[in-house]
Amino acid sequence: MWYPAARQAALCLAGCTGAFWCEVSMSDLVDYRRLVYAAMCSVVREALDFVSKLPSTGEVHVTISFLTGCSGVVLPDYLRAQYPENMTIVLQYQFRELCVSDNYFRVILSFKGKEECITVPFRAVVKYVDMLANFSLDLEQYGNLEFGMDGDSDNDDIAECPPTDTAHTVRDNIIFIDKFLKH
């Protein structure tokens, strides 16, 4: 049964004047696609935040596919030219300084032996796979949604991320211990 206040709200949200009855369903009132997309982005954000706090010896094997042309994606020009539409990165051995913000993540990866810093807004992510957990999220079906996350901004301050101690950084299965050596 519709209560008068709920009917008025439904009429208002549906754009009806109240002069005639307007059929309104919950799917007209609640944007479920947007809610699911926001929840999936939150899962990716929380998982990457967890990975960023693991010790350098922690086992990680995550792949992330993202749209390289999305606003806010920061890549070196040669990578953008090589991957003009989308790119898949692997967070396993050759990554460091993973920093997670509310709206995007930043990481240093090794591409053919050369380290590069990339920034990826969560709205650019189309697939997230945790190989060790046998878990994946396919966000590509939401790719046509034209909205950002709450407070979404390409200028979000990511500088607040703490610097990574490079003495414990893993690169190519090598643990650098230079800070522990006496000079």
N, C-alpha and C. Protein backbone atom coordinates (compact mmCIF):
# COMPACT_ATOMS: atom_id res chain seq x y z
N MET A 1 0.85 -1.18 0.00
CA MET A 1 0.00 0.00 0.00
C MET A 1 0.89 1.23 0.00
N TRP A 2 0.56 2.17 -0.83
CA TRP A 2 1.30 3.43 -0.90
C TRP A 2 0.79 4.37 0.18
N TYR A 3 1.69 4.96 0.89
CA TYR A 3 1.33 5.97 1.86
C TYR A 3 1.37 7.32 1.18
N PRO A 4 0.58 8.27 1.62
CA PRO A 4 0.50 9.57 0.95
C PRO A 4 1.86 10.24 0.75
N ALA A 5 2.71 10.22 1.77
CA ALA A 5 4.01 10.88 1.64
C ALA A 5 4.88 10.17 0.60
N ALA A 6 4.84 8.83 0.61
CA ALA A 6 5.62 8.06 -0.36
C ALA A 6 5.09 8.31 -1.76
N ARG A 7 3.75 8.40 -1.91
CA ARG A 7 3.16 8.66 -3.22
C ARG A 7 3.58 10.04 -3.72
N GLN A 8 3.57 11.02 -2.85
CA GLN A 8 3.97 12.37 -3.24
C GLN A 8 5.44 12.38 -3.68
N ALA A 9 6.29 11.68 -2.92
CA ALA A 9 7.71 11.63 -3.28
C ALA A 9 7.89 10.93 -4.62
N ALA A 10 7.15 9.84 -4.83
CA ALA A 10 7.25 9.12 -6.10
C ALA A 10 6.76 9.98 -7.25
N LEU A 11 5.68 10.71 -7.04
CA LEU A 11 5.16 11.60 -8.08
C LEU A 11 6.16 12.70 -8.40
N CYS A 12 6.76 13.23 -7.34
CA CYS A 12 7.73 14.31 -7.53
C CYS A 12 8.95 13.79 -8.30
N LEU A 13 9.48 12.62 -7.88
CA LEU A 13 10.65 12.05 -8.54
C LEU A 13 10.35 11.64 -9.97
N ALA A 14 9.11 11.21 -10.22
CA ALA A 14 8.76 10.76 -11.57
C ALA A 14 8.35 11.93 -12.46
N GLY A 15 8.23 13.11 -11.88
CA GLY A 15 7.87 14.29 -12.67
C GLY A 15 6.39 14.41 -12.92
N CYS A 16 5.59 13.66 -12.18
CA CYS A 16 4.14 13.73 -12.37
C CYS A 16 3.56 14.88 -11.56
N THR A 17 2.44 15.40 -12.03
CA THR A 17 1.83 16.56 -11.37
C THR A 17 0.89 16.15 -10.26
N GLY A 18 0.47 14.91 -10.22
CA GLY A 18 -0.49 14.48 -9.23
C GLY A 18 -1.91 14.58 -9.75
N ALA A 19 -2.08 15.21 -10.91
CA ALA A 19 -3.41 15.35 -11.50
C ALA A 19 -3.89 14.01 -12.03
N PHE A 20 -2.97 13.09 -12.31
CA PHE A 20 -3.34 11.76 -12.76
C PHE A 20 -2.38 10.77 -12.11
N TRP A 21 -2.80 9.52 -12.00
CA TRP A 21 -1.96 8.51 -11.36
C TRP A 21 -0.81 8.13 -12.28
N CYS A 22 0.33 8.00 -11.71
CA CYS A 22 1.53 7.68 -12.47
C CYS A 22 2.11 6.40 -11.89
N GLU A 23 2.29 5.38 -12.71
CA GLU A 23 2.89 4.13 -12.25
C GLU A 23 4.39 4.34 -12.06
N VAL A 24 4.87 4.13 -10.86
CA VAL A 24 6.29 4.31 -10.56
C VAL A 24 6.79 3.04 -9.89
N SER A 25 7.85 2.47 -10.41
CA SER A 25 8.43 1.28 -9.80
C SER A 25 9.70 1.67 -9.04
N MET A 26 10.18 0.74 -8.24
CA MET A 26 11.40 1.01 -7.48
C MET A 26 12.58 1.27 -8.42
N SER A 27 12.60 0.60 -9.57
CA SER A 27 13.72 0.82 -10.49
C SER A 27 13.69 2.23 -11.07
N ASP A 28 12.51 2.88 -11.04
CA ASP A 28 12.44 4.28 -11.45
C ASP A 28 12.97 5.21 -10.37
N LEU A 29 12.88 4.76 -9.12
CA LEU A 29 13.28 5.60 -7.99
C LEU A 29 14.72 5.36 -7.56
N VAL A 30 15.20 4.13 -7.70
CA VAL A 30 16.54 3.78 -7.24
C VAL A 30 17.39 3.42 -8.46
N ASP A 31 18.52 4.06 -8.59
CA ASP A 31 19.43 3.78 -9.70
C ASP A 31 20.34 2.62 -9.28
N TYR A 32 19.83 1.41 -9.45
CA TYR A 32 20.55 0.23 -9.00
C TYR A 32 21.88 0.05 -9.72
N ARG A 33 21.92 0.34 -11.01
CA ARG A 33 23.18 0.21 -11.75
C ARG A 33 24.26 1.10 -11.14
N ARG A 34 23.88 2.30 -10.78
CA ARG A 34 24.85 3.22 -10.18
C ARG A 34 25.29 2.72 -8.80
N LEU A 35 24.35 2.21 -8.02
CA LEU A 35 24.69 1.69 -6.70
C LEU A 35 25.64 0.49 -6.79
N VAL A 36 25.36 -0.42 -7.73
CA VAL A 36 26.22 -1.60 -7.89
C VAL A 36 27.61 -1.18 -8.37
N TYR A 37 27.66 -0.26 -9.31
CA TYR A 37 28.94 0.23 -9.82
C TYR A 37 29.76 0.87 -8.69
N ALA A 38 29.12 1.71 -7.89
CA ALA A 38 29.82 2.36 -6.77
C ALA A 38 30.33 1.31 -5.77
N ALA A 39 29.53 0.28 -5.53
CA ALA A 39 29.94 -0.78 -4.61
C ALA A 39 31.14 -1.56 -5.17
N MET A 40 31.10 -1.83 -6.47
CA MET A 40 32.22 -2.56 -7.10
C MET A 40 33.50 -1.73 -7.06
N CYS A 41 33.39 -0.44 -7.32
CA CYS A 41 34.56 0.44 -7.23
C CYS A 41 35.10 0.47 -5.80
N SER A 42 34.20 0.42 -4.84
CA SER A 42 34.61 0.42 -3.43
C SER A 42 35.37 -0.87 -3.10
N VAL A 43 34.94 -2.00 -3.65
CA VAL A 43 35.64 -3.26 -3.43
C VAL A 43 37.06 -3.17 -4.00
N VAL A 44 37.19 -2.65 -5.21
CA VAL A 44 38.51 -2.49 -5.83
C VAL A 44 39.38 -1.58 -4.97
N ARG A 45 38.83 -0.46 -4.53
CA ARG A 45 39.57 0.51 -3.71
C ARG A 45 40.04 -0.13 -2.41
N GLU A 46 39.13 -0.82 -1.71
CA GLU A 46 39.49 -1.44 -0.43
C GLU A 46 40.53 -2.55 -0.61
N ALA A 47 40.38 -3.34 -1.67
CA ALA A 47 41.34 -4.42 -1.92
C ALA A 47 42.73 -3.86 -2.20
N LEU A 48 42.79 -2.82 -3.05
CA LEU A 48 44.09 -2.21 -3.35
C LEU A 48 44.68 -1.53 -2.12
N ASP A 49 43.84 -0.94 -1.30
CA ASP A 49 44.32 -0.33 -0.06
C ASP A 49 44.94 -1.40 0.83
N PHE A 50 44.32 -2.55 0.91
CA PHE A 50 44.86 -3.67 1.68
C PHE A 50 46.21 -4.10 1.11
N VAL A 51 46.28 -4.25 -0.22
CA VAL A 51 47.54 -4.64 -0.88
C VAL A 51 48.63 -3.62 -0.59
N SER A 52 48.28 -2.33 -0.58
CA SER A 52 49.28 -1.28 -0.35
C SER A 52 49.89 -1.35 1.04
N LYS A 53 49.20 -2.00 1.97
CA LYS A 53 49.68 -2.08 3.35
C LYS A 53 50.37 -3.40 3.66
N LEU A 54 50.42 -4.30 2.69
CA LEU A 54 51.09 -5.58 2.90
C LEU A 54 52.60 -5.38 3.00
N PRO A 55 53.28 -6.21 3.78
CA PRO A 55 54.75 -6.14 3.76
C PRO A 55 55.24 -6.56 2.39
N SER A 56 56.44 -6.17 2.07
CA SER A 56 56.98 -6.43 0.73
C SER A 56 57.06 -7.92 0.42
N THR A 57 57.05 -8.75 1.43
CA THR A 57 57.12 -10.20 1.21
C THR A 57 55.73 -10.80 1.04
N GLY A 58 54.67 -9.99 1.15
CA GLY A 58 53.31 -10.50 1.01
C GLY A 58 53.04 -11.01 -0.39
N GLU A 59 52.28 -12.09 -0.48
CA GLU A 59 51.94 -12.65 -1.78
C GLU A 59 50.83 -11.85 -2.41
N VAL A 60 51.07 -11.37 -3.61
CA VAL A 60 50.10 -10.57 -4.35
C VAL A 60 50.14 -11.02 -5.81
N HIS A 61 48.98 -11.16 -6.41
CA HIS A 61 48.89 -11.40 -7.85
C HIS A 61 47.54 -10.86 -8.32
N VAL A 62 47.53 -9.58 -8.64
CA VAL A 62 46.32 -8.87 -9.04
C VAL A 62 46.52 -8.33 -10.45
N THR A 63 45.50 -8.47 -11.28
CA THR A 63 45.52 -7.82 -12.60
C THR A 63 44.39 -6.81 -12.65
N ILE A 64 44.68 -5.67 -13.26
CA ILE A 64 43.69 -4.60 -13.39
C ILE A 64 43.70 -4.13 -14.84
N SER A 65 42.53 -4.16 -15.46
CA SER A 65 42.38 -3.63 -16.81
C SER A 65 41.66 -2.29 -16.71
N PHE A 66 42.13 -1.31 -17.48
CA PHE A 66 41.53 0.02 -17.41
C PHE A 66 41.56 0.69 -18.77
N LEU A 67 40.71 1.70 -18.92
CA LEU A 67 40.62 2.47 -20.15
C LEU A 67 41.69 3.55 -20.12
N THR A 68 42.60 3.52 -21.07
CA THR A 68 43.72 4.48 -21.07
C THR A 68 43.28 5.88 -21.49
N GLY A 69 42.17 5.99 -22.19
CA GLY A 69 41.70 7.30 -22.64
C GLY A 69 40.82 8.02 -21.65
N CYS A 70 40.54 7.40 -20.51
CA CYS A 70 39.69 8.01 -19.49
C CYS A 70 40.38 9.21 -18.87
N SER A 71 39.62 10.25 -18.62
CA SER A 71 40.15 11.45 -17.98
C SER A 71 40.78 11.10 -16.63
N GLY A 72 41.97 11.59 -16.39
CA GLY A 72 42.65 11.35 -15.12
C GLY A 72 43.69 10.25 -15.17
N VAL A 73 43.67 9.42 -16.23
CA VAL A 73 44.69 8.37 -16.36
C VAL A 73 46.01 9.04 -16.73
N VAL A 74 47.05 8.76 -15.95
CA VAL A 74 48.37 9.32 -16.21
C VAL A 74 49.30 8.17 -16.58
N LEU A 75 49.78 8.23 -17.83
CA LEU A 75 50.69 7.22 -18.38
C LEU A 75 51.78 7.91 -19.17
N PRO A 76 52.96 7.32 -19.27
CA PRO A 76 53.96 7.86 -20.19
C PRO A 76 53.42 7.77 -21.62
N ASP A 77 53.85 8.69 -22.47
CA ASP A 77 53.35 8.76 -23.85
C ASP A 77 53.55 7.46 -24.62
N TYR A 78 54.70 6.80 -24.44
CA TYR A 78 54.95 5.58 -25.21
C TYR A 78 53.98 4.46 -24.81
N LEU A 79 53.56 4.42 -23.54
CA LEU A 79 52.58 3.42 -23.13
C LEU A 79 51.19 3.76 -23.66
N ARG A 80 50.84 5.04 -23.64
CA ARG A 80 49.54 5.47 -24.17
C ARG A 80 49.46 5.16 -25.67
N ALA A 81 50.59 5.35 -26.39
CA ALA A 81 50.62 5.04 -27.82
C ALA A 81 50.50 3.53 -28.06
N GLN A 82 51.14 2.76 -27.19
CA GLN A 82 51.11 1.31 -27.33
C GLN A 82 49.74 0.73 -26.95
N TYR A 83 49.06 1.38 -26.00
CA TYR A 83 47.75 0.92 -25.52
C TYR A 83 46.75 2.07 -25.63
N PRO A 84 46.29 2.40 -26.84
CA PRO A 84 45.44 3.58 -27.03
C PRO A 84 44.03 3.46 -26.44
N GLU A 85 43.55 2.23 -26.22
CA GLU A 85 42.19 2.07 -25.70
C GLU A 85 42.17 1.54 -24.28
N ASN A 86 42.82 0.41 -24.06
CA ASN A 86 42.85 -0.14 -22.71
C ASN A 86 44.17 -0.85 -22.46
N MET A 87 44.41 -1.11 -21.19
CA MET A 87 45.69 -1.68 -20.76
C MET A 87 45.42 -2.57 -19.55
N THR A 88 46.17 -3.63 -19.43
CA THR A 88 46.09 -4.49 -18.25
C THR A 88 47.44 -4.47 -17.56
N ILE A 89 47.41 -4.19 -16.26
CA ILE A 89 48.64 -4.19 -15.47
C ILE A 89 48.59 -5.35 -14.47
N VAL A 90 49.74 -5.80 -14.06
CA VAL A 90 49.85 -6.90 -13.11
C VAL A 90 50.60 -6.39 -11.89
N LEU A 91 49.98 -6.55 -10.74
CA LEU A 91 50.65 -6.23 -9.48
C LEU A 91 51.07 -7.56 -8.88
N GLN A 92 52.34 -7.88 -9.06
CA GLN A 92 52.86 -9.13 -8.50
C GLN A 92 54.27 -8.91 -7.97
N TYR A 93 55.27 -8.90 -8.83
CA TYR A 93 56.64 -8.75 -8.37
C TYR A 93 57.22 -7.38 -8.66
N GLN A 94 56.96 -6.85 -9.82
CA GLN A 94 57.64 -5.64 -10.27
C GLN A 94 56.77 -4.40 -10.10
N PHE A 95 56.35 -4.16 -8.87
CA PHE A 95 55.63 -2.93 -8.57
C PHE A 95 56.05 -2.43 -7.20
N ARG A 96 55.87 -1.14 -7.00
CA ARG A 96 56.17 -0.55 -5.69
C ARG A 96 55.40 0.75 -5.54
N GLU A 97 55.40 1.24 -4.34
CA GLU A 97 54.76 2.52 -4.00
C GLU A 97 53.31 2.59 -4.46
N LEU A 98 52.57 1.53 -4.19
CA LEU A 98 51.13 1.55 -4.47
C LEU A 98 50.48 2.47 -3.46
N CYS A 99 49.82 3.49 -3.96
CA CYS A 99 49.17 4.48 -3.12
C CYS A 99 47.71 4.58 -3.55
N VAL A 100 46.80 4.44 -2.61
CA VAL A 100 45.38 4.42 -2.92
C VAL A 100 44.70 5.64 -2.33
N SER A 101 43.99 6.36 -3.18
CA SER A 101 43.23 7.55 -2.81
C SER A 101 41.74 7.19 -2.89
N ASP A 102 40.88 8.11 -2.54
CA ASP A 102 39.45 7.86 -2.64
C ASP A 102 39.01 7.63 -4.08
N ASN A 103 39.63 8.30 -5.02
CA ASN A 103 39.17 8.28 -6.40
C ASN A 103 40.09 7.59 -7.38
N TYR A 104 41.33 7.31 -7.00
CA TYR A 104 42.24 6.64 -7.91
C TYR A 104 43.40 6.01 -7.16
N PHE A 105 44.19 5.23 -7.88
CA PHE A 105 45.40 4.68 -7.29
C PHE A 105 46.58 5.05 -8.17
N ARG A 106 47.75 5.07 -7.54
CA ARG A 106 49.01 5.36 -8.22
C ARG A 106 49.98 4.25 -7.86
N VAL A 107 50.79 3.83 -8.85
CA VAL A 107 51.73 2.75 -8.60
C VAL A 107 52.92 2.91 -9.54
N ILE A 108 54.07 2.45 -9.08
CA ILE A 108 55.25 2.40 -9.94
C ILE A 108 55.40 0.96 -10.40
N LEU A 109 55.43 0.79 -11.72
CA LEU A 109 55.54 -0.53 -12.34
C LEU A 109 56.77 -0.58 -13.23
N SER A 110 57.23 -1.78 -13.49
CA SER A 110 58.36 -1.98 -14.38
C SER A 110 57.85 -2.43 -15.75
N PHE A 111 58.20 -1.66 -16.78
CA PHE A 111 57.85 -1.99 -18.16
C PHE A 111 59.15 -2.22 -18.93
N LYS A 112 59.42 -3.49 -19.26
CA LYS A 112 60.65 -3.85 -19.97
C LYS A 112 61.89 -3.31 -19.26
N GLY A 113 61.89 -3.45 -17.93
CA GLY A 113 63.03 -3.02 -17.13
C GLY A 113 63.06 -1.56 -16.76
N LYS A 114 62.11 -0.77 -17.25
CA LYS A 114 62.08 0.66 -16.94
C LYS A 114 60.90 0.95 -16.01
N GLU A 115 61.19 1.60 -14.89
CA GLU A 115 60.13 1.93 -13.94
C GLU A 115 59.35 3.16 -14.39
N GLU A 116 58.02 3.07 -14.29
CA GLU A 116 57.13 4.16 -14.66
C GLU A 116 56.04 4.30 -13.61
N CYS A 117 55.69 5.52 -13.30
CA CYS A 117 54.60 5.80 -12.37
C CYS A 117 53.32 6.01 -13.19
N ILE A 118 52.28 5.28 -12.83
CA ILE A 118 51.00 5.48 -13.51
C ILE A 118 49.92 5.79 -12.48
N THR A 119 48.92 6.54 -12.91
CA THR A 119 47.78 6.89 -12.07
C THR A 119 46.52 6.45 -12.79
N VAL A 120 45.64 5.76 -12.08
CA VAL A 120 44.41 5.24 -12.68
C VAL A 120 43.22 5.60 -11.80
N PRO A 121 42.29 6.42 -12.30
CA PRO A 121 41.06 6.68 -11.55
C PRO A 121 40.22 5.40 -11.51
N PHE A 122 39.51 5.18 -10.42
CA PHE A 122 38.69 3.97 -10.32
C PHE A 122 37.61 3.93 -11.40
N ARG A 123 37.16 5.08 -11.88
CA ARG A 123 36.14 5.10 -12.94
C ARG A 123 36.69 4.57 -14.26
N ALA A 124 38.03 4.45 -14.39
CA ALA A 124 38.63 3.91 -15.61
C ALA A 124 38.78 2.39 -15.57
N VAL A 125 38.67 1.80 -14.38
CA VAL A 125 38.86 0.36 -14.22
C VAL A 125 37.69 -0.40 -14.84
N VAL A 126 38.01 -1.37 -15.70
CA VAL A 126 36.96 -2.20 -16.31
C VAL A 126 37.01 -3.65 -15.83
N LYS A 127 38.13 -4.07 -15.26
CA LYS A 127 38.23 -5.43 -14.74
C LYS A 127 39.28 -5.48 -13.63
N TYR A 128 38.94 -6.21 -12.57
CA TYR A 128 39.84 -6.42 -11.44
C TYR A 128 39.85 -7.91 -11.15
N VAL A 129 41.05 -8.50 -11.11
CA VAL A 129 41.17 -9.94 -10.85
C VAL A 129 42.24 -10.17 -9.79
N ASP A 130 41.87 -10.88 -8.72
CA ASP A 130 42.83 -11.33 -7.72
C ASP A 130 43.06 -12.82 -8.00
N MET A 131 44.18 -13.12 -8.62
CA MET A 131 44.46 -14.49 -9.07
C MET A 131 44.59 -15.46 -7.89
N LEU A 132 45.12 -15.00 -6.77
CA LEU A 132 45.32 -15.89 -5.62
C LEU A 132 44.01 -16.22 -4.92
N ALA A 133 43.07 -15.29 -4.95
CA ALA A 133 41.77 -15.50 -4.30
C ALA A 133 40.73 -16.07 -5.26
N ASN A 134 41.10 -16.21 -6.54
CA ASN A 134 40.16 -16.66 -7.56
C ASN A 134 38.90 -15.78 -7.55
N PHE A 135 39.14 -14.46 -7.57
CA PHE A 135 38.06 -13.47 -7.48
C PHE A 135 38.21 -12.46 -8.61
N SER A 136 37.10 -12.10 -9.22
CA SER A 136 37.17 -11.07 -10.25
C SER A 136 35.91 -10.22 -10.27
N LEU A 137 36.08 -8.99 -10.70
CA LEU A 137 34.96 -8.06 -10.90
C LEU A 137 35.05 -7.54 -12.32
N ASP A 138 33.92 -7.57 -13.02
CA ASP A 138 33.85 -7.05 -14.38
C ASP A 138 33.02 -5.77 -14.35
N LEU A 139 33.69 -4.63 -14.39
CA LEU A 139 33.01 -3.34 -14.33
C LEU A 139 32.70 -2.81 -15.73
N GLU A 140 33.11 -3.53 -16.75
CA GLU A 140 32.96 -3.05 -18.13
C GLU A 140 31.51 -2.82 -18.52
N GLN A 141 30.60 -3.60 -17.96
CA GLN A 141 29.19 -3.42 -18.29
C GLN A 141 28.66 -2.07 -17.85
N TYR A 142 29.40 -1.38 -16.99
CA TYR A 142 28.99 -0.06 -16.52
C TYR A 142 29.76 1.04 -17.23
N GLY A 143 30.51 0.69 -18.24
CA GLY A 143 31.37 1.64 -18.95
C GLY A 143 30.64 2.80 -19.59
N ASN A 144 29.35 2.62 -19.89
CA ASN A 144 28.62 3.71 -20.53
C ASN A 144 27.97 4.66 -19.53
N LEU A 145 28.15 4.41 -18.26
CA LEU A 145 27.58 5.31 -17.26
C LEU A 145 28.43 6.57 -17.18
N GLU A 146 27.81 7.70 -17.33
CA GLU A 146 28.53 8.98 -17.32
C GLU A 146 28.42 9.64 -15.96
N PHE A 147 29.09 9.08 -14.99
CA PHE A 147 29.11 9.71 -13.68
C PHE A 147 30.39 9.33 -12.98
N GLY A 148 30.77 10.15 -12.02
CA GLY A 148 31.96 9.85 -11.24
C GLY A 148 31.57 9.41 -9.85
N MET A 149 32.55 9.13 -9.05
CA MET A 149 32.31 8.77 -7.67
C MET A 149 32.09 10.06 -6.88
N ASP A 150 31.53 9.93 -5.68
CA ASP A 150 31.31 11.11 -4.85
C ASP A 150 32.62 11.85 -4.65
N GLY A 151 32.60 13.15 -4.89
CA GLY A 151 33.80 13.96 -4.72
C GLY A 151 34.86 13.67 -5.75
N ASP A 152 34.47 13.05 -6.84
CA ASP A 152 35.42 12.69 -7.88
C ASP A 152 36.10 13.92 -8.44
N SER A 153 37.39 13.87 -8.53
CA SER A 153 38.14 15.00 -9.06
C SER A 153 39.45 14.50 -9.61
N ASP A 154 39.82 15.01 -10.76
CA ASP A 154 41.12 14.65 -11.31
C ASP A 154 42.25 15.26 -10.49
N ASN A 155 41.95 16.23 -9.66
CA ASN A 155 42.96 16.91 -8.87
C ASN A 155 42.96 16.47 -7.42
N ASP A 156 42.39 15.29 -7.15
CA ASP A 156 42.35 14.77 -5.79
C ASP A 156 43.77 14.73 -5.24
N ASP A 157 43.93 15.13 -3.99
CA ASP A 157 45.27 15.22 -3.41
C ASP A 157 45.75 13.84 -3.00
N ILE A 158 46.64 13.28 -3.76
CA ILE A 158 47.20 11.97 -3.45
C ILE A 158 48.53 12.11 -2.71
N ALA A 159 49.00 13.33 -2.54
CA ALA A 159 50.29 13.57 -1.88
C ALA A 159 50.27 13.14 -0.43
N GLU A 160 49.09 12.95 0.15
CA GLU A 160 49.01 12.57 1.54
C GLU A 160 49.42 11.11 1.77
N CYS A 161 49.63 10.35 0.70
CA CYS A 161 50.06 8.97 0.84
C CYS A 161 51.47 8.93 1.41
N PRO A 162 51.69 8.07 2.39
CA PRO A 162 53.03 8.01 2.97
C PRO A 162 54.02 7.42 1.97
N PRO A 163 55.25 7.92 1.96
CA PRO A 163 56.26 7.37 1.06
C PRO A 163 56.60 5.94 1.45
N THR A 164 56.91 5.14 0.49
CA THR A 164 57.27 3.75 0.73
C THR A 164 58.75 3.67 1.09
N ASP A 165 59.06 2.85 2.05
CA ASP A 165 60.45 2.62 2.44
C ASP A 165 61.09 1.71 1.41
N THR A 166 61.96 2.26 0.59
CA THR A 166 62.56 1.48 -0.50
C THR A 166 63.49 0.39 0.01
N ALA A 167 63.85 0.40 1.27
CA ALA A 167 64.68 -0.67 1.80
C ALA A 167 63.93 -1.99 1.79
N HIS A 168 62.60 -1.93 1.77
CA HIS A 168 61.79 -3.13 1.78
C HIS A 168 61.03 -3.32 0.47
N THR A 169 61.45 -2.66 -0.56
CA THR A 169 60.76 -2.75 -1.85
C THR A 169 61.18 -4.01 -2.58
N VAL A 170 60.21 -4.68 -3.17
CA VAL A 170 60.49 -5.88 -3.94
C VAL A 170 60.50 -5.51 -5.42
N ARG A 171 61.58 -5.83 -6.10
CA ARG A 171 61.69 -5.64 -7.55
C ARG A 171 62.36 -6.87 -8.11
N ASP A 172 61.73 -7.50 -9.08
CA ASP A 172 62.30 -8.67 -9.73
C ASP A 172 62.74 -9.72 -8.70
N ASN A 173 61.94 -9.91 -7.66
CA ASN A 173 62.21 -10.88 -6.60
C ASN A 173 63.47 -10.57 -5.80
N ILE A 174 63.89 -9.31 -5.79
CA ILE A 174 65.06 -8.89 -5.03
C ILE A 174 64.59 -7.97 -3.92
N ILE A 175 65.03 -8.23 -2.71
CA ILE A 175 64.72 -7.34 -1.60
C ILE A 175 65.94 -6.47 -1.37
N PHE A 176 65.75 -5.16 -1.53
CA PHE A 176 66.85 -4.23 -1.37
C PHE A 176 67.04 -3.92 0.11
N ILE A 177 68.25 -4.11 0.58
CA ILE A 177 68.53 -3.92 2.00
C ILE A 177 69.60 -2.86 2.22
N ASP A 178 69.74 -1.94 1.29
CA ASP A 178 70.81 -0.96 1.35
C ASP A 178 70.78 -0.10 2.62
N LYS A 179 69.62 0.11 3.20
CA LYS A 179 69.56 0.92 4.42
C LYS A 179 70.13 0.20 5.63
N PHE A 180 70.24 -1.12 5.53
CA PHE A 180 70.74 -1.89 6.66
C PHE A 180 72.26 -2.08 6.61
N LEU A 181 72.87 -1.74 5.51
CA LEU A 181 74.31 -1.89 5.37
C LEU A 181 75.04 -0.71 5.99
N LYS A 182 76.16 -0.99 6.64
CA LYS A 182 76.97 0.08 7.21
C LYS A 182 77.88 0.62 6.13
N HIS A 183 77.91 1.92 6.00
CA HIS A 183 78.75 2.56 4.97
C HIS A 183 80.03 3.06 5.55
